[in-house]
Amino acid sequence: LDDFTVDRWLTNYGERALQLVAGVEKQEQMGTGFG
């Protein structure tokens, strides 16, 4: 994950950010990127 996304997630979701990547091992598993 890039630093911008990590910072945004931590700001927006706090500890819940971990739920976004639960079971995800690589960027491709995150699905379509919208920007």
PDB file of all heavy atoms in Angstrom:
ATOM      1  N   LEU A   1       0.837  -1.195   0.000  1.00  0.00           N
ATOM      2  CA  LEU A   1       0.000   0.000   0.000  1.00  0.00           C
ATOM      3  C   LEU A   1       0.873   1.246   0.000  1.00  0.00           C
ATOM      4  O   LEU A   1       1.874   1.318   0.718  1.00  0.00           O
ATOM      5  CB  LEU A   1      -0.896   0.032   1.242  1.00  0.00           C
ATOM      6  CG  LEU A   1      -2.165  -0.784   1.203  1.00  0.00           C
ATOM      7  CD1 LEU A   1      -2.845  -0.756   2.568  1.00  0.00           C
ATOM      8  CD2 LEU A   1      -3.117  -0.287   0.139  1.00  0.00           C
ATOM      9  N   ASP A   2       0.481   2.252  -0.780  1.00  0.00           N
ATOM     10  CA  ASP A   2       1.251   3.498  -0.808  1.00  0.00           C
ATOM     11  C   ASP A   2       0.969   4.322   0.446  1.00  0.00           C
ATOM     12  O   ASP A   2      -0.067   4.162   1.102  1.00  0.00           O
ATOM     13  CB  ASP A   2       0.926   4.295  -2.077  1.00  0.00           C
ATOM     14  CG  ASP A   2      -0.531   4.701  -2.129  1.00  0.00           C
ATOM     15  OD1 ASP A   2      -1.363   3.912  -2.626  1.00  0.00           O
ATOM     16  OD2 ASP A   2      -0.840   5.814  -1.651  1.00  0.00           O
ATOM     17  N   ASP A   3       1.895   5.192   0.784  1.00  0.00           N
ATOM     18  CA  ASP A   3       1.795   5.994   2.010  1.00  0.00           C
ATOM     19  C   ASP A   3       0.548   6.882   2.029  1.00  0.00           C
ATOM     20  O   ASP A   3      -0.075   7.052   3.073  1.00  0.00           O
ATOM     21  CB  ASP A   3       3.044   6.858   2.192  1.00  0.00           C
ATOM     22  CG  ASP A   3       4.276   6.032   2.516  1.00  0.00           C
ATOM     23  OD1 ASP A   3       4.140   4.880   2.977  1.00  0.00           O
ATOM     24  OD2 ASP A   3       5.395   6.541   2.311  1.00  0.00           O
ATOM     25  N   PHE A   4       0.180   7.456   0.887  1.00  0.00           N
ATOM     26  CA  PHE A   4      -1.001   8.309   0.828  1.00  0.00           C
ATOM     27  C   PHE A   4      -2.243   7.541   1.257  1.00  0.00           C
ATOM     28  O   PHE A   4      -3.040   8.020   2.075  1.00  0.00           O
ATOM     29  CB  PHE A   4      -1.185   8.870  -0.594  1.00  0.00           C
ATOM     30  CG  PHE A   4      -2.459   9.640  -0.775  1.00  0.00           C
ATOM     31  CD1 PHE A   4      -2.547  10.966  -0.382  1.00  0.00           C
ATOM     32  CD2 PHE A   4      -3.581   9.031  -1.324  1.00  0.00           C
ATOM     33  CE1 PHE A   4      -3.731  11.682  -0.541  1.00  0.00           C
ATOM     34  CE2 PHE A   4      -4.767   9.736  -1.481  1.00  0.00           C
ATOM     35  CZ  PHE A   4      -4.842  11.062  -1.095  1.00  0.00           C
ATOM     36  N   THR A   5      -2.407   6.339   0.717  1.00  0.00           N
ATOM     37  CA  THR A   5      -3.582   5.523   1.038  1.00  0.00           C
ATOM     38  C   THR A   5      -3.573   5.106   2.498  1.00  0.00           C
ATOM     39  O   THR A   5      -4.598   5.177   3.178  1.00  0.00           O
ATOM     40  CB  THR A   5      -3.663   4.298   0.109  1.00  0.00           C
ATOM     41  OG1 THR A   5      -3.743   4.759  -1.242  1.00  0.00           O
ATOM     42  CG2 THR A   5      -4.866   3.433   0.416  1.00  0.00           C
ATOM     43  N   VAL A   6      -2.428   4.685   2.993  1.00  0.00           N
ATOM     44  CA  VAL A   6      -2.330   4.297   4.406  1.00  0.00           C
ATOM     45  C   VAL A   6      -2.715   5.470   5.302  1.00  0.00           C
ATOM     46  O   VAL A   6      -3.530   5.316   6.227  1.00  0.00           O
ATOM     47  CB  VAL A   6      -0.913   3.784   4.742  1.00  0.00           C
ATOM     48  CG1 VAL A   6      -0.748   3.615   6.247  1.00  0.00           C
ATOM     49  CG2 VAL A   6      -0.637   2.474   4.021  1.00  0.00           C
ATOM     50  N   ASP A   7      -2.166   6.650   5.039  1.00  0.00           N
ATOM     51  CA  ASP A   7      -2.489   7.824   5.855  1.00  0.00           C
ATOM     52  C   ASP A   7      -3.974   8.163   5.776  1.00  0.00           C
ATOM     53  O   ASP A   7      -4.614   8.464   6.788  1.00  0.00           O
ATOM     54  CB  ASP A   7      -1.664   9.033   5.418  1.00  0.00           C
ATOM     55  CG  ASP A   7      -0.194   8.910   5.774  1.00  0.00           C
ATOM     56  OD1 ASP A   7       0.157   8.065   6.626  1.00  0.00           O
ATOM     57  OD2 ASP A   7       0.605   9.663   5.189  1.00  0.00           O
ATOM     58  N   ARG A   8      -4.537   8.098   4.565  1.00  0.00           N
ATOM     59  CA  ARG A   8      -5.953   8.408   4.387  1.00  0.00           C
ATOM     60  C   ARG A   8      -6.819   7.406   5.142  1.00  0.00           C
ATOM     61  O   ARG A   8      -7.774   7.773   5.832  1.00  0.00           O
ATOM     62  CB  ARG A   8      -6.296   8.414   2.896  1.00  0.00           C
ATOM     63  CG  ARG A   8      -7.722   8.835   2.601  1.00  0.00           C
ATOM     64  CD  ARG A   8      -7.965   8.969   1.114  1.00  0.00           C
ATOM     65  NE  ARG A   8      -7.833   7.724   0.387  1.00  0.00           N
ATOM     66  CZ  ARG A   8      -8.756   6.760   0.367  1.00  0.00           C
ATOM     67  NH1 ARG A   8      -9.880   6.885   1.052  1.00  0.00           N
ATOM     68  NH2 ARG A   8      -8.571   5.656  -0.344  1.00  0.00           N
ATOM     69  N   TRP A   9      -6.483   6.130   5.020  1.00  0.00           N
ATOM     70  CA  TRP A   9      -7.249   5.096   5.713  1.00  0.00           C
ATOM     71  C   TRP A   9      -7.175   5.254   7.226  1.00  0.00           C
ATOM     72  O   TRP A   9      -8.175   5.126   7.915  1.00  0.00           O
ATOM     73  CB  TRP A   9      -6.753   3.710   5.324  1.00  0.00           C
ATOM     74  CG  TRP A   9      -7.219   3.243   3.994  1.00  0.00           C
ATOM     75  CD1 TRP A   9      -7.926   3.924   3.057  1.00  0.00           C
ATOM     76  CD2 TRP A   9      -6.991   1.952   3.443  1.00  0.00           C
ATOM     77  NE1 TRP A   9      -8.153   3.139   1.962  1.00  0.00           N
ATOM     78  CE2 TRP A   9      -7.592   1.929   2.168  1.00  0.00           C
ATOM     79  CE3 TRP A   9      -6.337   0.825   3.906  1.00  0.00           C
ATOM     80  CZ2 TRP A   9      -7.554   0.800   1.357  1.00  0.00           C
ATOM     81  CZ3 TRP A   9      -6.300  -0.303   3.099  1.00  0.00           C
ATOM     82  CH2 TRP A   9      -6.907  -0.309   1.832  1.00  0.00           C
ATOM     83  N   LEU A  10      -5.976   5.503   7.743  1.00  0.00           N
ATOM     84  CA  LEU A  10      -5.838   5.646   9.190  1.00  0.00           C
ATOM     85  C   LEU A  10      -6.618   6.850   9.693  1.00  0.00           C
ATOM     86  O   LEU A  10      -7.216   6.802  10.769  1.00  0.00           O
ATOM     87  CB  LEU A  10      -4.366   5.721   9.579  1.00  0.00           C
ATOM     88  CG  LEU A  10      -3.588   4.419   9.382  1.00  0.00           C
ATOM     89  CD1 LEU A  10      -2.108   4.628   9.671  1.00  0.00           C
ATOM     90  CD2 LEU A  10      -4.159   3.285  10.226  1.00  0.00           C
ATOM     91  N   THR A  11      -6.628   7.920   8.911  1.00  0.00           N
ATOM     92  CA  THR A  11      -7.402   9.109   9.278  1.00  0.00           C
ATOM     93  C   THR A  11      -8.894   8.821   9.220  1.00  0.00           C
ATOM     94  O   THR A  11      -9.649   9.185  10.132  1.00  0.00           O
ATOM     95  CB  THR A  11      -7.057  10.282   8.339  1.00  0.00           C
ATOM     96  OG1 THR A  11      -5.675  10.586   8.485  1.00  0.00           O
ATOM     97  CG2 THR A  11      -7.888  11.508   8.659  1.00  0.00           C
ATOM     98  N   ASN A  12      -9.339   8.163   8.160  1.00  0.00           N
ATOM     99  CA  ASN A  12     -10.773   7.929   7.962  1.00  0.00           C
ATOM    100  C   ASN A  12     -11.326   6.771   8.779  1.00  0.00           C
ATOM    101  O   ASN A  12     -12.478   6.824   9.218  1.00  0.00           O
ATOM    102  CB  ASN A  12     -11.083   7.663   6.488  1.00  0.00           C
ATOM    103  CG  ASN A  12     -10.955   8.895   5.632  1.00  0.00           C
ATOM    104  OD1 ASN A  12     -10.795   9.992   6.131  1.00  0.00           O
ATOM    105  ND2 ASN A  12     -11.008   8.721   4.337  1.00  0.00           N
ATOM    106  N   TYR A  13     -10.537   5.694   8.930  1.00  0.00           N
ATOM    107  CA  TYR A  13     -11.072   4.464   9.518  1.00  0.00           C
ATOM    108  C   TYR A  13     -10.421   4.053  10.834  1.00  0.00           C
ATOM    109  O   TYR A  13     -10.944   3.187  11.524  1.00  0.00           O
ATOM    110  CB  TYR A  13     -10.935   3.303   8.527  1.00  0.00           C
ATOM    111  CG  TYR A  13     -11.536   3.587   7.175  1.00  0.00           C
ATOM    112  CD1 TYR A  13     -10.734   3.704   6.050  1.00  0.00           C
ATOM    113  CD2 TYR A  13     -12.907   3.740   7.019  1.00  0.00           C
ATOM    114  CE1 TYR A  13     -11.282   3.961   4.797  1.00  0.00           C
ATOM    115  CE2 TYR A  13     -13.466   4.004   5.776  1.00  0.00           C
ATOM    116  CZ  TYR A  13     -12.643   4.109   4.672  1.00  0.00           C
ATOM    117  OH  TYR A  13     -13.186   4.377   3.444  1.00  0.00           O
ATOM    118  N   GLY A  14      -9.275   4.617  11.160  1.00  0.00           N
ATOM    119  CA  GLY A  14      -8.571   4.215  12.370  1.00  0.00           C
ATOM    120  C   GLY A  14      -8.235   2.732  12.330  1.00  0.00           C
ATOM    121  O   GLY A  14      -7.804   2.213  11.305  1.00  0.00           O
ATOM    122  N   GLU A  15      -8.471   2.047  13.431  1.00  0.00           N
ATOM    123  CA  GLU A  15      -8.166   0.613  13.514  1.00  0.00           C
ATOM    124  C   GLU A  15      -8.983  -0.217  12.531  1.00  0.00           C
ATOM    125  O   GLU A  15      -8.565  -1.299  12.137  1.00  0.00           O
ATOM    126  CB  GLU A  15      -8.420   0.093  14.934  1.00  0.00           C
ATOM    127  CG  GLU A  15      -7.412   0.564  15.941  1.00  0.00           C
ATOM    128  CD  GLU A  15      -7.684  -0.005  17.324  1.00  0.00           C
ATOM    129  OE1 GLU A  15      -8.497  -0.952  17.449  1.00  0.00           O
ATOM    130  OE2 GLU A  15      -7.078   0.498  18.276  1.00  0.00           O
ATOM    131  N   ARG A  16     -10.135   0.294  12.136  1.00  0.00           N
ATOM    132  CA  ARG A  16     -10.969  -0.433  11.177  1.00  0.00           C
ATOM    133  C   ARG A  16     -10.292  -0.566   9.813  1.00  0.00           C
ATOM    134  O   ARG A  16     -10.713  -1.378   8.992  1.00  0.00           O
ATOM    135  CB  ARG A  16     -12.327   0.245  11.024  1.00  0.00           C
ATOM    136  CG  ARG A  16     -13.164   0.157  12.289  1.00  0.00           C
ATOM    137  CD  ARG A  16     -14.436   0.958  12.189  1.00  0.00           C
ATOM    138  NE  ARG A  16     -14.066   2.365  12.009  1.00  0.00           N
ATOM    139  CZ  ARG A  16     -14.779   3.246  11.329  1.00  0.00           C
ATOM    140  NH1 ARG A  16     -15.905   2.904  10.758  1.00  0.00           N
ATOM    141  NH2 ARG A  16     -14.381   4.499  11.229  1.00  0.00           N
ATOM    142  N   ALA A  17      -9.237   0.208   9.565  1.00  0.00           N
ATOM    143  CA  ALA A  17      -8.514   0.113   8.289  1.00  0.00           C
ATOM    144  C   ALA A  17      -7.994  -1.297   8.064  1.00  0.00           C
ATOM    145  O   ALA A  17      -7.881  -1.747   6.917  1.00  0.00           O
ATOM    146  CB  ALA A  17      -7.368   1.116   8.253  1.00  0.00           C
ATOM    147  N   LEU A  18      -7.702  -2.004   9.127  1.00  0.00           N
ATOM    148  CA  LEU A  18      -7.230  -3.382   8.996  1.00  0.00           C
ATOM    149  C   LEU A  18      -8.272  -4.273   8.337  1.00  0.00           C
ATOM    150  O   LEU A  18      -7.932  -5.235   7.651  1.00  0.00           O
ATOM    151  CB  LEU A  18      -6.829  -3.938  10.358  1.00  0.00           C
ATOM    152  CG  LEU A  18      -5.641  -3.250  11.029  1.00  0.00           C
ATOM    153  CD1 LEU A  18      -5.440  -3.787  12.441  1.00  0.00           C
ATOM    154  CD2 LEU A  18      -4.384  -3.428  10.193  1.00  0.00           C
ATOM    155  N   GLN A  19      -9.551  -3.951   8.515  1.00  0.00           N
ATOM    156  CA  GLN A  19     -10.623  -4.734   7.888  1.00  0.00           C
ATOM    157  C   GLN A  19     -10.569  -4.623   6.365  1.00  0.00           C
ATOM    158  O   GLN A  19     -10.966  -5.539   5.660  1.00  0.00           O
ATOM    159  CB  GLN A  19     -11.984  -4.275   8.387  1.00  0.00           C
ATOM    160  CG  GLN A  19     -12.222  -4.559   9.845  1.00  0.00           C
ATOM    161  CD  GLN A  19     -13.562  -4.026  10.314  1.00  0.00           C
ATOM    162  OE1 GLN A  19     -14.472  -3.806   9.538  1.00  0.00           O
ATOM    163  NE2 GLN A  19     -13.671  -3.806  11.617  1.00  0.00           N
ATOM    164  N   LEU A  20     -10.080  -3.493   5.870  1.00  0.00           N
ATOM    165  CA  LEU A  20     -10.014  -3.284   4.420  1.00  0.00           C
ATOM    166  C   LEU A  20      -9.039  -4.232   3.746  1.00  0.00           C
ATOM    167  O   LEU A  20      -9.202  -4.551   2.576  1.00  0.00           O
ATOM    168  CB  LEU A  20      -9.614  -1.841   4.106  1.00  0.00           C
ATOM    169  CG  LEU A  20     -10.644  -0.785   4.483  1.00  0.00           C
ATOM    170  CD1 LEU A  20     -10.015   0.592   4.480  1.00  0.00           C
ATOM    171  CD2 LEU A  20     -11.817  -0.837   3.540  1.00  0.00           C
ATOM    172  N   VAL A  21      -8.022  -4.651   4.467  1.00  0.00           N
ATOM    173  CA  VAL A  21      -7.000  -5.519   3.872  1.00  0.00           C
ATOM    174  C   VAL A  21      -7.004  -6.924   4.463  1.00  0.00           C
ATOM    175  O   VAL A  21      -6.105  -7.706   4.190  1.00  0.00           O
ATOM    176  CB  VAL A  21      -5.593  -4.896   3.993  1.00  0.00           C
ATOM    177  CG1 VAL A  21      -5.485  -3.664   3.133  1.00  0.00           C
ATOM    178  CG2 VAL A  21      -5.246  -4.592   5.442  1.00  0.00           C
ATOM    179  N   ALA A  22      -8.027  -7.255   5.226  1.00  0.00           N
ATOM    180  CA  ALA A  22      -8.120  -8.599   5.795  1.00  0.00           C
ATOM    181  C   ALA A  22      -8.151  -9.631   4.671  1.00  0.00           C
ATOM    182  O   ALA A  22      -8.988  -9.561   3.771  1.00  0.00           O
ATOM    183  CB  ALA A  22      -9.358  -8.718   6.666  1.00  0.00           C
ATOM    184  N   GLY A  23      -7.206 -10.544   4.686  1.00  0.00           N
ATOM    185  CA  GLY A  23      -7.140 -11.598   3.684  1.00  0.00           C
ATOM    186  C   GLY A  23      -6.518 -11.177   2.361  1.00  0.00           C
ATOM    187  O   GLY A  23      -6.415 -11.983   1.447  1.00  0.00           O
ATOM    188  N   VAL A  24      -6.103  -9.930   2.253  1.00  0.00           N
ATOM    189  CA  VAL A  24      -5.506  -9.419   1.018  1.00  0.00           C
ATOM    190  C   VAL A  24      -3.986  -9.495   1.140  1.00  0.00           C
ATOM    191  O   VAL A  24      -3.412  -9.025   2.112  1.00  0.00           O
ATOM    192  CB  VAL A  24      -5.945  -7.966   0.746  1.00  0.00           C
ATOM    193  CG1 VAL A  24      -5.271  -7.411  -0.492  1.00  0.00           C
ATOM    194  CG2 VAL A  24      -7.454  -7.890   0.620  1.00  0.00           C
ATOM    195  N   GLU A  25      -3.352 -10.095   0.135  1.00  0.00           N
ATOM    196  CA  GLU A  25      -1.907 -10.273   0.177  1.00  0.00           C
ATOM    197  C   GLU A  25      -1.161  -9.439  -0.852  1.00  0.00           C
ATOM    198  O   GLU A  25       0.055  -9.315  -0.778  1.00  0.00           O
ATOM    199  CB  GLU A  25      -1.568 -11.744  -0.019  1.00  0.00           C
ATOM    200  CG  GLU A  25      -2.123 -12.617   1.089  1.00  0.00           C
ATOM    201  CD  GLU A  25      -1.858 -14.085   0.864  1.00  0.00           C
ATOM    202  OE1 GLU A  25      -1.221 -14.447  -0.150  1.00  0.00           O
ATOM    203  OE2 GLU A  25      -2.296 -14.886   1.702  1.00  0.00           O
ATOM    204  N   LYS A  26      -1.877  -8.873  -1.826  1.00  0.00           N
ATOM    205  CA  LYS A  26      -1.223  -8.042  -2.835  1.00  0.00           C
ATOM    206  C   LYS A  26      -2.224  -7.049  -3.416  1.00  0.00           C
ATOM    207  O   LYS A  26      -3.437  -7.250  -3.335  1.00  0.00           O
ATOM    208  CB  LYS A  26      -0.599  -8.894  -3.929  1.00  0.00           C
ATOM    209  CG  LYS A  26      -1.544  -9.861  -4.596  1.00  0.00           C
ATOM    210  CD  LYS A  26      -0.812 -10.787  -5.548  1.00  0.00           C
ATOM    211  CE  LYS A  26      -1.777 -11.839  -6.066  1.00  0.00           C
ATOM    212  NZ  LYS A  26      -1.128 -12.773  -6.954  1.00  0.00           N
ATOM    213  N   GLN A  27      -1.705  -5.980  -4.001  1.00  0.00           N
ATOM    214  CA  GLN A  27      -2.519  -4.892  -4.519  1.00  0.00           C
ATOM    215  C   GLN A  27      -3.598  -5.367  -5.484  1.00  0.00           C
ATOM    216  O   GLN A  27      -4.732  -4.876  -5.452  1.00  0.00           O
ATOM    217  CB  GLN A  27      -1.621  -3.859  -5.211  1.00  0.00           C
ATOM    218  CG  GLN A  27      -2.361  -2.673  -5.777  1.00  0.00           C
ATOM    219  CD  GLN A  27      -2.984  -1.781  -4.721  1.00  0.00           C
ATOM    220  OE1 GLN A  27      -2.400  -1.579  -3.664  1.00  0.00           O
ATOM    221  NE2 GLN A  27      -4.154  -1.258  -4.994  1.00  0.00           N
ATOM    222  N   GLU A  28      -3.281  -6.336  -6.315  1.00  0.00           N
ATOM    223  CA  GLU A  28      -4.232  -6.807  -7.321  1.00  0.00           C
ATOM    224  C   GLU A  28      -5.522  -7.345  -6.705  1.00  0.00           C
ATOM    225  O   GLU A  28      -6.566  -7.342  -7.343  1.00  0.00           O
ATOM    226  CB  GLU A  28      -3.595  -7.882  -8.202  1.00  0.00           C
ATOM    227  CG  GLU A  28      -2.447  -7.379  -9.066  1.00  0.00           C
ATOM    228  CD  GLU A  28      -1.132  -7.224  -8.304  1.00  0.00           C
ATOM    229  OE1 GLU A  28      -0.924  -7.898  -7.268  1.00  0.00           O
ATOM    230  OE2 GLU A  28      -0.311  -6.402  -8.736  1.00  0.00           O
ATOM    231  N   GLN A  29      -5.450  -7.795  -5.472  1.00  0.00           N
ATOM    232  CA  GLN A  29      -6.629  -8.333  -4.794  1.00  0.00           C
ATOM    233  C   GLN A  29      -7.565  -7.242  -4.286  1.00  0.00           C
ATOM    234  O   GLN A  29      -8.661  -7.541  -3.832  1.00  0.00           O
ATOM    235  CB  GLN A  29      -6.198  -9.231  -3.633  1.00  0.00           C
ATOM    236  CG  GLN A  29      -5.515 -10.506  -4.085  1.00  0.00           C
ATOM    237  CD  GLN A  29      -5.016 -11.305  -2.903  1.00  0.00           C
ATOM    238  OE1 GLN A  29      -4.224 -10.821  -2.096  1.00  0.00           O
ATOM    239  NE2 GLN A  29      -5.502 -12.530  -2.792  1.00  0.00           N
ATOM    240  N   MET A  30      -7.149  -5.987  -4.397  1.00  0.00           N
ATOM    241  CA  MET A  30      -7.980  -4.873  -3.945  1.00  0.00           C
ATOM    242  C   MET A  30      -9.038  -4.511  -4.984  1.00  0.00           C
ATOM    243  O   MET A  30      -9.921  -3.723  -4.716  1.00  0.00           O
ATOM    244  CB  MET A  30      -7.115  -3.642  -3.631  1.00  0.00           C
ATOM    245  CG  MET A  30      -6.123  -3.856  -2.504  1.00  0.00           C
ATOM    246  SD  MET A  30      -6.888  -4.129  -0.906  1.00  0.00           S
ATOM    247  CE  MET A  30      -7.574  -2.527  -0.583  1.00  0.00           C
ATOM    248  N   GLY A  31      -8.946  -5.085  -6.169  1.00  0.00           N
ATOM    249  CA  GLY A  31      -9.938  -4.815  -7.210  1.00  0.00           C
ATOM    250  C   GLY A  31      -9.632  -3.560  -7.998  1.00  0.00           C
ATOM    251  O   GLY A  31      -8.555  -2.984  -7.894  1.00  0.00           O
ATOM    252  N   THR A  32     -10.588  -3.135  -8.763  1.00  0.00           N
ATOM    253  CA  THR A  32     -10.447  -1.972  -9.624  1.00  0.00           C
ATOM    254  C   THR A  32      -9.964  -0.765  -8.843  1.00  0.00           C
ATOM    255  O   THR A  32     -10.459  -0.483  -7.756  1.00  0.00           O
ATOM    256  CB  THR A  32     -11.805  -1.629 -10.275  1.00  0.00           C
ATOM    257  OG1 THR A  32     -12.265  -2.762 -10.989  1.00  0.00           O
ATOM    258  CG2 THR A  32     -11.703  -0.435 -11.196  1.00  0.00           C
ATOM    259  N   GLY A  33      -8.996  -0.057  -9.410  1.00  0.00           N
ATOM    260  CA  GLY A  33      -8.529   1.196  -8.826  1.00  0.00           C
ATOM    261  C   GLY A  33      -9.229   2.360  -9.507  1.00  0.00           C
ATOM    262  O   GLY A  33      -9.292   2.423 -10.730  1.00  0.00           O
ATOM    263  N   PHE A  34      -9.763   3.278  -8.718  1.00  0.00           N
ATOM    264  CA  PHE A  34     -10.505   4.414  -9.254  1.00  0.00           C
ATOM    265  C   PHE A  34      -9.718   5.716  -9.191  1.00  0.00           C
ATOM    266  O   PHE A  34     -10.159   6.732  -9.698  1.00  0.00           O
ATOM    267  CB  PHE A  34     -11.827   4.568  -8.498  1.00  0.00           C
ATOM    268  CG  PHE A  34     -12.719   3.371  -8.647  1.00  0.00           C
ATOM    269  CD1 PHE A  34     -12.735   2.380  -7.679  1.00  0.00           C
ATOM    270  CD2 PHE A  34     -13.514   3.216  -9.764  1.00  0.00           C
ATOM    271  CE1 PHE A  34     -13.548   1.266  -7.817  1.00  0.00           C
ATOM    272  CE2 PHE A  34     -14.330   2.107  -9.920  1.00  0.00           C
ATOM    273  CZ  PHE A  34     -14.342   1.128  -8.940  1.00  0.00           C
ATOM    274  N   GLY A  35      -8.555   5.692  -8.544  1.00  0.00           N
ATOM    275  CA  GLY A  35      -7.727   6.885  -8.388  1.00  0.00           C
ATOM    276  C   GLY A  35      -7.582   7.257  -6.929  1.00  0.00           C
ATOM    277  O   GLY A  35      -8.433   6.931  -6.104  1.00  0.00           O
TER     278      GLY A  35
END
